[in-house]
Amino acid sequence: MLAQIRKMRKDDGGFTLIELLMVIVIIGILAGIVVFSVRGINDTGEAAACKADLKTVETAVEAYYASNDSTYPANLAALVPSFLHSEPDGTVTYAAGVVDYTPACDAAIAAAA
């Protein structure tokens, strides 16, 4: 009877609990590495978006200046109907003809560098 049980167990081709736990641990380690790698990609994307918004607003301000008797717009809202589709969402500031990054964009650009 005991020999018969050993024979049946020997023919069983499954994984042991230790093997399964080792695979789970390895997958967890790899997942952790990927999560930290992807975080840097997101920071770079935010910095690129800030730079693109700045260039777009600078171009719109200069177009406004050229078409409105050499005067700069009072604020970004004056650019929206004709020169911009919508105001940038907190990425740039505008005052007296000067376009600059917001502190949030400065931090994103510094983090990406």
PDB file of N, CA and C in Angstrom:
ATOM      1  N   MET A   1       0.827  -1.184   0.000  1.00  0.00           N
ATOM      2  CA  MET A   1       0.000   0.000   0.000  1.00  0.00           C
ATOM      3  C   MET A   1       0.876   1.254   0.000  1.00  0.00           C
ATOM      4  N   LEU A   2       1.879   1.298   0.872  1.00  0.00           N
ATOM      5  CA  LEU A   2       2.782   2.444   0.946  1.00  0.00           C
ATOM      6  C   LEU A   2       3.560   2.600  -0.357  1.00  0.00           C
ATOM      7  N   ALA A   3       3.961   1.538  -0.955  1.00  0.00           N
ATOM      8  CA  ALA A   3       4.676   1.584  -2.223  1.00  0.00           C
ATOM      9  C   ALA A   3       3.783   2.143  -3.322  1.00  0.00           C
ATOM     10  N   GLN A   4       2.517   1.803  -3.269  1.00  0.00           N
ATOM     11  CA  GLN A   4       1.574   2.291  -4.266  1.00  0.00           C
ATOM     12  C   GLN A   4       1.398   3.821  -4.145  1.00  0.00           C
ATOM     13  N   ILE A   5       1.341   4.368  -2.936  1.00  0.00           N
ATOM     14  CA  ILE A   5       1.209   5.811  -2.711  1.00  0.00           C
ATOM     15  C   ILE A   5       2.458   6.539  -3.200  1.00  0.00           C
ATOM     16  N   ARG A   6       3.648   5.974  -2.902  1.00  0.00           N
ATOM     17  CA  ARG A   6       4.898   6.582  -3.359  1.00  0.00           C
ATOM     18  C   ARG A   6       4.965   6.617  -4.881  1.00  0.00           C
ATOM     19  N   LYS A   7       4.518   5.567  -5.509  1.00  0.00           N
ATOM     20  CA  LYS A   7       4.526   5.503  -6.965  1.00  0.00           C
ATOM     21  C   LYS A   7       3.591   6.561  -7.554  1.00  0.00           C
ATOM     22  N   MET A   8       2.412   6.731  -6.978  1.00  0.00           N
ATOM     23  CA  MET A   8       1.463   7.731  -7.466  1.00  0.00           C
ATOM     24  C   MET A   8       2.015   9.151  -7.264  1.00  0.00           C
ATOM     25  N   ARG A   9       2.686   9.353  -6.144  1.00  0.00           N
ATOM     26  CA  ARG A   9       3.252  10.669  -5.853  1.00  0.00           C
ATOM     27  C   ARG A   9       4.421  10.985  -6.776  1.00  0.00           C
ATOM     28  N   LYS A  10       5.190   9.986  -7.122  1.00  0.00           N
ATOM     29  CA  LYS A  10       6.340  10.173  -7.984  1.00  0.00           C
ATOM     30  C   LYS A  10       5.898  10.575  -9.393  1.00  0.00           C
ATOM     31  N   ASP A  11       4.777  10.082  -9.842  1.00  0.00           N
ATOM     32  CA  ASP A  11       4.274  10.398 -11.174  1.00  0.00           C
ATOM     33  C   ASP A  11       3.573  11.757 -11.225  1.00  0.00           C
ATOM     34  N   ASP A  12       3.268  12.345 -10.068  1.00  0.00           N
ATOM     35  CA  ASP A  12       2.590  13.648 -10.026  1.00  0.00           C
ATOM     36  C   ASP A  12       3.565  14.722 -10.498  1.00  0.00           C
ATOM     37  N   GLY A  13       3.181  15.555 -11.474  1.00  0.00           N
ATOM     38  CA  GLY A  13       4.099  16.523 -12.078  1.00  0.00           C
ATOM     39  C   GLY A  13       3.793  17.965 -11.748  1.00  0.00           C
ATOM     40  N   GLY A  14       3.350  18.292 -10.556  1.00  0.00           N
ATOM     41  CA  GLY A  14       3.017  19.673 -10.205  1.00  0.00           C
ATOM     42  C   GLY A  14       4.189  20.432  -9.622  1.00  0.00           C
ATOM     43  N   PHE A  15       3.949  21.724  -9.302  1.00  0.00           N
ATOM     44  CA  PHE A  15       4.967  22.567  -8.673  1.00  0.00           C
ATOM     45  C   PHE A  15       4.826  22.488  -7.166  1.00  0.00           C
ATOM     46  N   THR A  16       5.942  22.650  -6.472  1.00  0.00           N
ATOM     47  CA  THR A  16       5.886  22.669  -5.011  1.00  0.00           C
ATOM     48  C   THR A  16       5.538  24.081  -4.548  1.00  0.00           C
ATOM     49  N   LEU A  17       5.173  24.196  -3.293  1.00  0.00           N
ATOM     50  CA  LEU A  17       4.818  25.497  -2.725  1.00  0.00           C
ATOM     51  C   LEU A  17       6.021  26.439  -2.749  1.00  0.00           C
ATOM     52  N   ILE A  18       7.204  25.956  -2.486  1.00  0.00           N
ATOM     53  CA  ILE A  18       8.414  26.780  -2.485  1.00  0.00           C
ATOM     54  C   ILE A  18       8.673  27.348  -3.884  1.00  0.00           C
ATOM     55  N   GLU A  19       8.507  26.513  -4.905  1.00  0.00           N
ATOM     56  CA  GLU A  19       8.714  26.993  -6.271  1.00  0.00           C
ATOM     57  C   GLU A  19       7.727  28.110  -6.622  1.00  0.00           C
ATOM     58  N   LEU A  20       6.491  27.946  -6.244  1.00  0.00           N
ATOM     59  CA  LEU A  20       5.488  28.976  -6.508  1.00  0.00           C
ATOM     60  C   LEU A  20       5.783  30.267  -5.757  1.00  0.00           C
ATOM     61  N   LEU A  21       6.204  30.163  -4.503  1.00  0.00           N
ATOM     62  CA  LEU A  21       6.538  31.354  -3.721  1.00  0.00           C
ATOM     63  C   LEU A  21       7.740  32.086  -4.313  1.00  0.00           C
ATOM     64  N   MET A  22       8.727  31.360  -4.802  1.00  0.00           N
ATOM     65  CA  MET A  22       9.904  31.999  -5.408  1.00  0.00           C
ATOM     66  C   MET A  22       9.507  32.774  -6.671  1.00  0.00           C
ATOM     67  N   VAL A  23       8.624  32.211  -7.466  1.00  0.00           N
ATOM     68  CA  VAL A  23       8.159  32.905  -8.674  1.00  0.00           C
ATOM     69  C   VAL A  23       7.409  34.178  -8.299  1.00  0.00           C
ATOM     70  N   ILE A  24       6.580  34.125  -7.280  1.00  0.00           N
ATOM     71  CA  ILE A  24       5.822  35.305  -6.838  1.00  0.00           C
ATOM     72  C   ILE A  24       6.768  36.389  -6.333  1.00  0.00           C
ATOM     73  N   VAL A  25       7.798  36.009  -5.592  1.00  0.00           N
ATOM     74  CA  VAL A  25       8.775  36.983  -5.086  1.00  0.00           C
ATOM     75  C   VAL A  25       9.527  37.633  -6.246  1.00  0.00           C
ATOM     76  N   ILE A  26       9.939  36.861  -7.215  1.00  0.00           N
ATOM     77  CA  ILE A  26      10.670  37.407  -8.361  1.00  0.00           C
ATOM     78  C   ILE A  26       9.783  38.364  -9.155  1.00  0.00           C
ATOM     79  N   ILE A  27       8.540  38.013  -9.362  1.00  0.00           N
ATOM     80  CA  ILE A  27       7.617  38.896 -10.079  1.00  0.00           C
ATOM     81  C   ILE A  27       7.406  40.193  -9.297  1.00  0.00           C
ATOM     82  N   GLY A  28       7.318  40.121  -7.978  1.00  0.00           N
ATOM     83  CA  GLY A  28       7.178  41.319  -7.149  1.00  0.00           C
ATOM     84  C   GLY A  28       8.374  42.242  -7.259  1.00  0.00           C
ATOM     85  N   ILE A  29       9.569  41.669  -7.263  1.00  0.00           N
ATOM     86  CA  ILE A  29      10.785  42.482  -7.391  1.00  0.00           C
ATOM     87  C   ILE A  29      10.813  43.178  -8.751  1.00  0.00           C
ATOM     88  N   LEU A  30      10.512  42.444  -9.805  1.00  0.00           N
ATOM     89  CA  LEU A  30      10.495  43.040 -11.147  1.00  0.00           C
ATOM     90  C   LEU A  30       9.433  44.135 -11.266  1.00  0.00           C
ATOM     91  N   ALA A  31       8.272  43.929 -10.666  1.00  0.00           N
ATOM     92  CA  ALA A  31       7.218  44.937 -10.705  1.00  0.00           C
ATOM     93  C   ALA A  31       7.665  46.210  -9.981  1.00  0.00           C
ATOM     94  N   GLY A  32       8.356  46.071  -8.855  1.00  0.00           N
ATOM     95  CA  GLY A  32       8.864  47.233  -8.134  1.00  0.00           C
ATOM     96  C   GLY A  32       9.865  48.024  -8.953  1.00  0.00           C
ATOM     97  N   ILE A  33      10.725  47.338  -9.667  1.00  0.00           N
ATOM     98  CA  ILE A  33      11.711  48.012 -10.511  1.00  0.00           C
ATOM     99  C   ILE A  33      11.013  48.782 -11.623  1.00  0.00           C
ATOM    100  N   VAL A  34      10.018  48.189 -12.233  1.00  0.00           N
ATOM    101  CA  VAL A  34       9.301  48.847 -13.326  1.00  0.00           C
ATOM    102  C   VAL A  34       8.565  50.090 -12.839  1.00  0.00           C
ATOM    103  N   VAL A  35       7.941  50.021 -11.669  1.00  0.00           N
ATOM    104  CA  VAL A  35       7.197  51.168 -11.140  1.00  0.00           C
ATOM    105  C   VAL A  35       8.118  52.360 -10.940  1.00  0.00           C
ATOM    106  N   PHE A  36       9.305  52.146 -10.383  1.00  0.00           N
ATOM    107  CA  PHE A  36      10.214  53.255 -10.152  1.00  0.00           C
ATOM    108  C   PHE A  36      10.833  53.761 -11.447  1.00  0.00           C
ATOM    109  N   SER A  37      10.961  52.914 -12.445  1.00  0.00           N
ATOM    110  CA  SER A  37      11.487  53.352 -13.739  1.00  0.00           C
ATOM    111  C   SER A  37      10.485  54.225 -14.478  1.00  0.00           C
ATOM    112  N   VAL A  38       9.217  53.900 -14.398  1.00  0.00           N
ATOM    113  CA  VAL A  38       8.183  54.635 -15.120  1.00  0.00           C
ATOM    114  C   VAL A  38       7.940  56.005 -14.501  1.00  0.00           C
ATOM    115  N   ARG A  39       8.187  56.155 -13.229  1.00  0.00           N
ATOM    116  CA  ARG A  39       7.961  57.438 -12.570  1.00  0.00           C
ATOM    117  C   ARG A  39       8.791  58.546 -13.208  1.00  0.00           C
ATOM    118  N   GLY A  40      10.029  58.263 -13.584  1.00  0.00           N
ATOM    119  CA  GLY A  40      10.893  59.253 -14.215  1.00  0.00           C
ATOM    120  C   GLY A  40      10.395  59.666 -15.584  1.00  0.00           C
ATOM    121  N   ILE A  41       9.769  58.761 -16.296  1.00  0.00           N
ATOM    122  CA  ILE A  41       9.224  59.070 -17.615  1.00  0.00           C
ATOM    123  C   ILE A  41       8.102  60.094 -17.489  1.00  0.00           C
ATOM    124  N   ASN A  42       7.272  59.966 -16.478  1.00  0.00           N
ATOM    125  CA  ASN A  42       6.169  60.900 -16.260  1.00  0.00           C
ATOM    126  C   ASN A  42       6.701  62.302 -15.978  1.00  0.00           C
ATOM    127  N   ASP A  43       7.758  62.426 -15.180  1.00  0.00           N
ATOM    128  CA  ASP A  43       8.337  63.733 -14.883  1.00  0.00           C
ATOM    129  C   ASP A  43       8.850  64.400 -16.150  1.00  0.00           C
ATOM    130  N   THR A  44       9.466  63.633 -17.026  1.00  0.00           N
ATOM    131  CA  THR A  44       9.974  64.175 -18.278  1.00  0.00           C
ATOM    132  C   THR A  44       8.830  64.673 -19.152  1.00  0.00           C
ATOM    133  N   GLY A  45       7.727  63.953 -19.158  1.00  0.00           N
ATOM    134  CA  GLY A  45       6.567  64.369 -19.946  1.00  0.00           C
ATOM    135  C   GLY A  45       5.973  65.668 -19.453  1.00  0.00           C
ATOM    136  N   GLU A  46       5.897  65.836 -18.143  1.00  0.00           N
ATOM    137  CA  GLU A  46       5.367  67.085 -17.586  1.00  0.00           C
ATOM    138  C   GLU A  46       6.265  68.265 -17.944  1.00  0.00           C
ATOM    139  N   ALA A  47       7.570  68.066 -17.893  1.00  0.00           N
ATOM    140  CA  ALA A  47       8.499  69.137 -18.246  1.00  0.00           C
ATOM    141  C   ALA A  47       8.357  69.506 -19.717  1.00  0.00           C
ATOM    142  N   ALA A  48       8.208  68.521 -20.576  1.00  0.00           N
ATOM    143  CA  ALA A  48       8.036  68.795 -22.007  1.00  0.00           C
ATOM    144  C   ALA A  48       6.726  69.542 -22.262  1.00  0.00           C
ATOM    145  N   ALA A  49       5.676  69.192 -21.548  1.00  0.00           N
ATOM    146  CA  ALA A  49       4.392  69.879 -21.707  1.00  0.00           C
ATOM    147  C   ALA A  49       4.507  71.334 -21.273  1.00  0.00           C
ATOM    148  N   CYS A  50       5.221  71.597 -20.192  1.00  0.00           N
ATOM    149  CA  CYS A  50       5.410  72.979 -19.732  1.00  0.00           C
ATOM    150  C   CYS A  50       6.175  73.795 -20.767  1.00  0.00           C
ATOM    151  N   LYS A  51       7.235  73.205 -21.315  1.00  0.00           N
ATOM    152  CA  LYS A  51       8.020  73.929 -22.320  1.00  0.00           C
ATOM    153  C   LYS A  51       7.191  74.206 -23.576  1.00  0.00           C
ATOM    154  N   ALA A  52       6.383  73.240 -23.981  1.00  0.00           N
ATOM    155  CA  ALA A  52       5.539  73.422 -25.166  1.00  0.00           C
ATOM    156  C   ALA A  52       4.499  74.511 -24.927  1.00  0.00           C
ATOM    157  N   ASP A  53       3.890  74.533 -23.738  1.00  0.00           N
ATOM    158  CA  ASP A  53       2.915  75.576 -23.407  1.00  0.00           C
ATOM    159  C   ASP A  53       3.560  76.957 -23.427  1.00  0.00           C
ATOM    160  N   LEU A  54       4.771  77.062 -22.900  1.00  0.00           N
ATOM    161  CA  LEU A  54       5.468  78.348 -22.882  1.00  0.00           C
ATOM    162  C   LEU A  54       5.710  78.844 -24.306  1.00  0.00           C
ATOM    163  N   LYS A  55       6.198  77.974 -25.173  1.00  0.00           N
ATOM    164  CA  LYS A  55       6.454  78.379 -26.556  1.00  0.00           C
ATOM    165  C   LYS A  55       5.165  78.774 -27.274  1.00  0.00           C
ATOM    166  N   THR A  56       4.090  78.048 -27.029  1.00  0.00           N
ATOM    167  CA  THR A  56       2.812  78.352 -27.660  1.00  0.00           C
ATOM    168  C   THR A  56       2.303  79.722 -27.235  1.00  0.00           C
ATOM    169  N   VAL A  57       2.379  80.009 -25.937  1.00  0.00           N
ATOM    170  CA  VAL A  57       1.909  81.308 -25.437  1.00  0.00           C
ATOM    171  C   VAL A  57       2.809  82.426 -25.935  1.00  0.00           C
ATOM    172  N   GLU A  58       4.117  82.200 -25.976  1.00  0.00           N
ATOM    173  CA  GLU A  58       5.018  83.233 -26.506  1.00  0.00           C
ATOM    174  C   GLU A  58       4.666  83.563 -27.958  1.00  0.00           C
ATOM    175  N   THR A  59       4.397  82.551 -28.748  1.00  0.00           N
ATOM    176  CA  THR A  59       4.028  82.765 -30.147  1.00  0.00           C
ATOM    177  C   THR A  59       2.703  83.519 -30.257  1.00  0.00           C
ATOM    178  N   ALA A  60       1.738  83.157 -29.423  1.00  0.00           N
ATOM    179  CA  ALA A  60       0.437  83.835 -29.446  1.00  0.00           C
ATOM    180  C   ALA A  60       0.567  85.292 -29.023  1.00  0.00           C
ATOM    181  N   VAL A  61       1.401  85.569 -28.024  1.00  0.00           N
ATOM    182  CA  VAL A  61       1.600  86.957 -27.573  1.00  0.00           C
ATOM    183  C   VAL A  61       2.229  87.780 -28.686  1.00  0.00           C
ATOM    184  N   GLU A  62       3.214  87.221 -29.371  1.00  0.00           N
ATOM    185  CA  GLU A  62       3.858  87.956 -30.456  1.00  0.00           C
ATOM    186  C   GLU A  62       2.907  88.162 -31.634  1.00  0.00           C
ATOM    187  N   ALA A  63       2.061  87.187 -31.909  1.00  0.00           N
ATOM    188  CA  ALA A  63       1.068  87.347 -32.977  1.00  0.00           C
ATOM    189  C   ALA A  63       0.069  88.442 -32.606  1.00  0.00           C
ATOM    190  N   TYR A  64      -0.336  88.485 -31.346  1.00  0.00           N
ATOM    191  CA  TYR A  64      -1.245  89.543 -30.869  1.00  0.00           C
ATOM    192  C   TYR A  64      -0.565  90.902 -31.018  1.00  0.00           C
ATOM    193  N   TYR A  65       0.698  90.969 -30.614  1.00  0.00           N
ATOM    194  CA  TYR A  65       1.474  92.210 -30.685  1.00  0.00           C
ATOM    195  C   TYR A  65       1.558  92.713 -32.132  1.00  0.00           C
ATOM    196  N   ALA A  66       1.784  91.786 -33.053  1.00  0.00           N
ATOM    197  CA  ALA A  66       1.930  92.168 -34.455  1.00  0.00           C
ATOM    198  C   ALA A  66       0.605  92.617 -35.074  1.00  0.00           C
ATOM    199  N   SER A  67      -0.497  92.060 -34.622  1.00  0.00           N
ATOM    200  CA  SER A  67      -1.772  92.394 -35.257  1.00  0.00           C
ATOM    201  C   SER A  67      -2.571  93.464 -34.527  1.00  0.00           C
ATOM    202  N   ASN A  68      -2.105  93.946 -33.382  1.00  0.00           N
ATOM    203  CA  ASN A  68      -2.864  94.938 -32.606  1.00  0.00           C
ATOM    204  C   ASN A  68      -2.046  96.189 -32.308  1.00  0.00           C
ATOM    205  N   ASP A  69      -1.504  96.826 -33.333  1.00  0.00           N
ATOM    206  CA  ASP A  69      -0.812  98.117 -33.215  1.00  0.00           C
ATOM    207  C   ASP A  69       0.287  98.121 -32.159  1.00  0.00           C
ATOM    208  N   SER A  70       1.080  97.103 -32.137  1.00  0.00           N
ATOM    209  CA  SER A  70       2.247  97.011 -31.252  1.00  0.00           C
ATOM    210  C   SER A  70       1.904  97.157 -29.773  1.00  0.00           C
ATOM    211  N   THR A  71       0.806  96.557 -29.350  1.00  0.00           N
ATOM    212  CA  THR A  71       0.468  96.513 -27.923  1.00  0.00           C
ATOM    213  C   THR A  71       0.338  95.057 -27.498  1.00  0.00           C
ATOM    214  N   TYR A  72       0.784  94.802 -26.293  1.00  0.00           N
ATOM    215  CA  TYR A  72       0.684  93.447 -25.752  1.00  0.00           C
ATOM    216  C   TYR A  72      -0.698  93.240 -25.116  1.00  0.00           C
ATOM    217  N   PRO A  73      -1.170  92.006 -25.054  1.00  0.00           N
ATOM    218  CA  PRO A  73      -2.468  91.753 -24.421  1.00  0.00           C
ATOM    219  C   PRO A  73      -2.401  92.002 -22.916  1.00  0.00           C
ATOM    220  N   ALA A  74      -3.537  92.337 -22.335  1.00  0.00           N
ATOM    221  CA  ALA A  74      -3.587  92.599 -20.890  1.00  0.00           C
ATOM    222  C   ALA A  74      -3.416  91.312 -20.085  1.00  0.00           C
ATOM    223  N   ASN A  75      -3.966  90.218 -20.593  1.00  0.00           N
ATOM    224  CA  ASN A  75      -3.861  88.939 -19.890  1.00  0.00           C
ATOM    225  C   ASN A  75      -4.006  87.800 -20.907  1.00  0.00           C
ATOM    226  N   LEU A  76      -3.897  86.568 -20.436  1.00  0.00           N
ATOM    227  CA  LEU A  76      -4.000  85.413 -21.335  1.00  0.00           C
ATOM    228  C   LEU A  76      -5.399  85.251 -21.914  1.00  0.00           C
ATOM    229  N   ALA A  77      -6.402  85.710 -21.211  1.00  0.00           N
ATOM    230  CA  ALA A  77      -7.777  85.574 -21.693  1.00  0.00           C
ATOM    231  C   ALA A  77      -7.984  86.359 -22.993  1.00  0.00           C
ATOM    232  N   ALA A  78      -7.228  87.439 -23.194  1.00  0.00           N
ATOM    233  CA  ALA A  78      -7.356  88.227 -24.413  1.00  0.00           C
ATOM    234  C   ALA A  78      -6.853  87.463 -25.637  1.00  0.00           C
ATOM    235  N   LEU A  79      -6.053  86.424 -25.429  1.00  0.00           N
ATOM    236  CA  LEU A  79      -5.508  85.650 -26.538  1.00  0.00           C
ATOM    237  C   LEU A  79      -6.420  84.507 -26.973  1.00  0.00           C
ATOM    238  N   VAL A  80      -7.340  84.116 -26.106  1.00  0.00           N
ATOM    239  CA  VAL A  80      -8.103  82.878 -26.331  1.00  0.00           C
ATOM    240  C   VAL A  80      -8.955  82.882 -27.594  1.00  0.00           C
ATOM    241  N   PRO A  81      -9.750  83.850 -27.876  1.00  0.00           N
ATOM    242  CA  PRO A  81     -10.615  83.679 -29.044  1.00  0.00           C
ATOM    243  C   PRO A  81      -9.858  83.592 -30.371  1.00  0.00           C
ATOM    244  N   SER A  82      -8.798  84.370 -30.523  1.00  0.00           N
ATOM    245  CA  SER A  82      -8.151  84.447 -31.833  1.00  0.00           C
ATOM    246  C   SER A  82      -6.827  83.703 -31.931  1.00  0.00           C
ATOM    247  N   PHE A  83      -6.054  83.668 -30.841  1.00  0.00           N
ATOM    248  CA  PHE A  83      -4.680  83.171 -30.937  1.00  0.00           C
ATOM    249  C   PHE A  83      -4.430  81.865 -30.189  1.00  0.00           C
ATOM    250  N   LEU A  84      -5.257  81.558 -29.214  1.00  0.00           N
ATOM    251  CA  LEU A  84      -5.132  80.298 -28.469  1.00  0.00           C
ATOM    252  C   LEU A  84      -6.485  79.602 -28.431  1.00  0.00           C
ATOM    253  N   HIS A  85      -6.455  78.296 -28.462  1.00  0.00           N
ATOM    254  CA  HIS A  85      -7.703  77.530 -28.360  1.00  0.00           C
ATOM    255  C   HIS A  85      -8.284  77.650 -26.945  1.00  0.00           C
ATOM    256  N   SER A  86      -7.411  77.566 -25.939  1.00  0.00           N
ATOM    257  CA  SER A  86      -7.812  77.739 -24.539  1.00  0.00           C
ATOM    258  C   SER A  86      -6.601  78.185 -23.739  1.00  0.00           C
ATOM    259  N   GLU A  87      -6.856  78.711 -22.546  1.00  0.00           N
ATOM    260  CA  GLU A  87      -5.742  79.128 -21.692  1.00  0.00           C
ATOM    261  C   GLU A  87      -4.988  77.902 -21.187  1.00  0.00           C
ATOM    262  N   PRO A  88      -3.666  78.000 -21.079  1.00  0.00           N
ATOM    263  CA  PRO A  88      -2.913  76.879 -20.500  1.00  0.00           C
ATOM    264  C   PRO A  88      -3.360  76.639 -19.066  1.00  0.00           C
ATOM    265  N   ASP A  89      -3.407  75.398 -18.662  1.00  0.00           N
ATOM    266  CA  ASP A  89      -3.932  75.033 -17.341  1.00  0.00           C
ATOM    267  C   ASP A  89      -2.867  75.114 -16.248  1.00  0.00           C
ATOM    268  N   GLY A  90      -2.484  76.322 -15.895  1.00  0.00           N
ATOM    269  CA  GLY A  90      -1.573  76.511 -14.774  1.00  0.00           C
ATOM    270  C   GLY A  90      -0.120  76.211 -15.064  1.00  0.00           C
ATOM    271  N   THR A  91       0.284  76.224 -16.337  1.00  0.00           N
ATOM    272  CA  THR A  91       1.677  75.925 -16.644  1.00  0.00           C
ATOM    273  C   THR A  91       2.511  77.172 -16.894  1.00  0.00           C
ATOM    274  N   VAL A  92       1.863  78.256 -17.335  1.00  0.00           N
ATOM    275  CA  VAL A  92       2.594  79.497 -17.593  1.00  0.00           C
ATOM    276  C   VAL A  92       1.861  80.681 -16.976  1.00  0.00           C
ATOM    277  N   THR A  93       2.641  81.717 -16.699  1.00  0.00           N
ATOM    278  CA  THR A  93       2.064  82.975 -16.216  1.00  0.00           C
ATOM    279  C   THR A  93       2.373  84.062 -17.250  1.00  0.00           C
ATOM    280  N   TYR A  94       1.557  85.093 -17.258  1.00  0.00           N
ATOM    281  CA  TYR A  94       1.756  86.195 -18.199  1.00  0.00           C
ATOM    282  C   TYR A  94       1.488  87.501 -17.475  1.00  0.00           C
ATOM    283  N   ALA A  95       2.431  88.434 -17.623  1.00  0.00           N
ATOM    284  CA  ALA A  95       2.247  89.773 -17.051  1.00  0.00           C
ATOM    285  C   ALA A  95       3.089  90.755 -17.855  1.00  0.00           C
ATOM    286  N   ALA A  96       2.471  91.785 -18.340  1.00  0.00           N
ATOM    287  CA  ALA A  96       3.143  92.896 -19.024  1.00  0.00           C
ATOM    288  C   ALA A  96       4.074  92.423 -20.144  1.00  0.00           C
ATOM    289  N   GLY A  97       3.589  91.543 -20.982  1.00  0.00           N
ATOM    290  CA  GLY A  97       4.364  91.099 -22.127  1.00  0.00           C
ATOM    291  C   GLY A  97       5.409  90.038 -21.837  1.00  0.00           C
ATOM    292  N   VAL A  98       5.473  89.564 -20.606  1.00  0.00           N
ATOM    293  CA  VAL A  98       6.474  88.561 -20.229  1.00  0.00           C
ATOM    294  C   VAL A  98       5.768  87.248 -19.897  1.00  0.00           C
ATOM    295  N   VAL A  99       6.166  86.187 -20.583  1.00  0.00           N
ATOM    296  CA  VAL A  99       5.612  84.859 -20.344  1.00  0.00           C
ATOM    297  C   VAL A  99       6.645  84.070 -19.557  1.00  0.00           C
ATOM    298  N   ASP A 100       6.191  83.400 -18.481  1.00  0.00           N
ATOM    299  CA  ASP A 100       7.123  82.634 -17.646  1.00  0.00           C
ATOM    300  C   ASP A 100       6.431  81.379 -17.138  1.00  0.00           C
ATOM    301  N   TYR A 101       7.238  80.459 -16.617  1.00  0.00           N
ATOM    302  CA  TYR A 101       6.695  79.229 -16.036  1.00  0.00           C
ATOM    303  C   TYR A 101       6.086  79.502 -14.669  1.00  0.00           C
ATOM    304  N   THR A 102       5.102  78.689 -14.287  1.00  0.00           N
ATOM    305  CA  THR A 102       4.589  78.722 -12.920  1.00  0.00           C
ATOM    306  C   THR A 102       5.553  77.942 -12.039  1.00  0.00           C
ATOM    307  N   PRO A 103       5.462  78.091 -10.710  1.00  0.00           N
ATOM    308  CA  PRO A 103       6.339  77.310  -9.824  1.00  0.00           C
ATOM    309  C   PRO A 103       6.189  75.797 -10.022  1.00  0.00           C
ATOM    310  N   ALA A 104       4.995  75.336 -10.355  1.00  0.00           N
ATOM    311  CA  ALA A 104       4.803  73.900 -10.587  1.00  0.00           C
ATOM    312  C   ALA A 104       5.615  73.441 -11.792  1.00  0.00           C
ATOM    313  N   CYS A 105       5.650  74.247 -12.843  1.00  0.00           N
ATOM    314  CA  CYS A 105       6.439  73.900 -14.023  1.00  0.00           C
ATOM    315  C   CYS A 105       7.924  73.972 -13.717  1.00  0.00           C
ATOM    316  N   ASP A 106       8.341  74.973 -12.960  1.00  0.00           N
ATOM    317  CA  ASP A 106       9.749  75.054 -12.570  1.00  0.00           C
ATOM    318  C   ASP A 106      10.190  73.790 -11.846  1.00  0.00           C
ATOM    319  N   ALA A 107       9.330  73.292 -10.947  1.00  0.00           N
ATOM    320  CA  ALA A 107       9.662  72.077 -10.198  1.00  0.00           C
ATOM    321  C   ALA A 107       9.715  70.860 -11.118  1.00  0.00           C
ATOM    322  N   ALA A 108       8.792  70.764 -12.088  1.00  0.00           N
ATOM    323  CA  ALA A 108       8.787  69.626 -13.015  1.00  0.00           C
ATOM    324  C   ALA A 108      10.024  69.641 -13.902  1.00  0.00           C
ATOM    325  N   ILE A 109      10.421  70.818 -14.346  1.00  0.00           N
ATOM    326  CA  ILE A 109      11.604  70.924 -15.207  1.00  0.00           C
ATOM    327  C   ILE A 109      12.860  70.582 -14.410  1.00  0.00           C
ATOM    328  N   ALA A 110      12.928  71.059 -13.169  1.00  0.00           N
ATOM    329  CA  ALA A 110      14.088  70.742 -12.322  1.00  0.00           C
ATOM    330  C   ALA A 110      14.169  69.248 -12.023  1.00  0.00           C
ATOM    331  N   ALA A 111      13.023  68.610 -11.814  1.00  0.00           N
ATOM    332  CA  ALA A 111      13.009  67.172 -11.522  1.00  0.00           C
ATOM    333  C   ALA A 111      13.422  66.361 -12.730  1.00  0.00           C
ATOM    334  N   ALA A 112      13.091  66.831 -13.926  1.00  0.00           N
ATOM    335  CA  ALA A 112      13.402  66.079 -15.138  1.00  0.00           C
ATOM    336  C   ALA A 112      14.874  66.248 -15.543  1.00  0.00           C
ATOM    337  N   ALA A 113      15.497  67.301 -15.066  1.00  0.00           N
ATOM    338  CA  ALA A 113      16.893  67.557 -15.453  1.00  0.00           C
ATOM    339  C   ALA A 113      17.887  66.696 -14.732  1.00  0.00           C
TER     340      ALA A 113
END
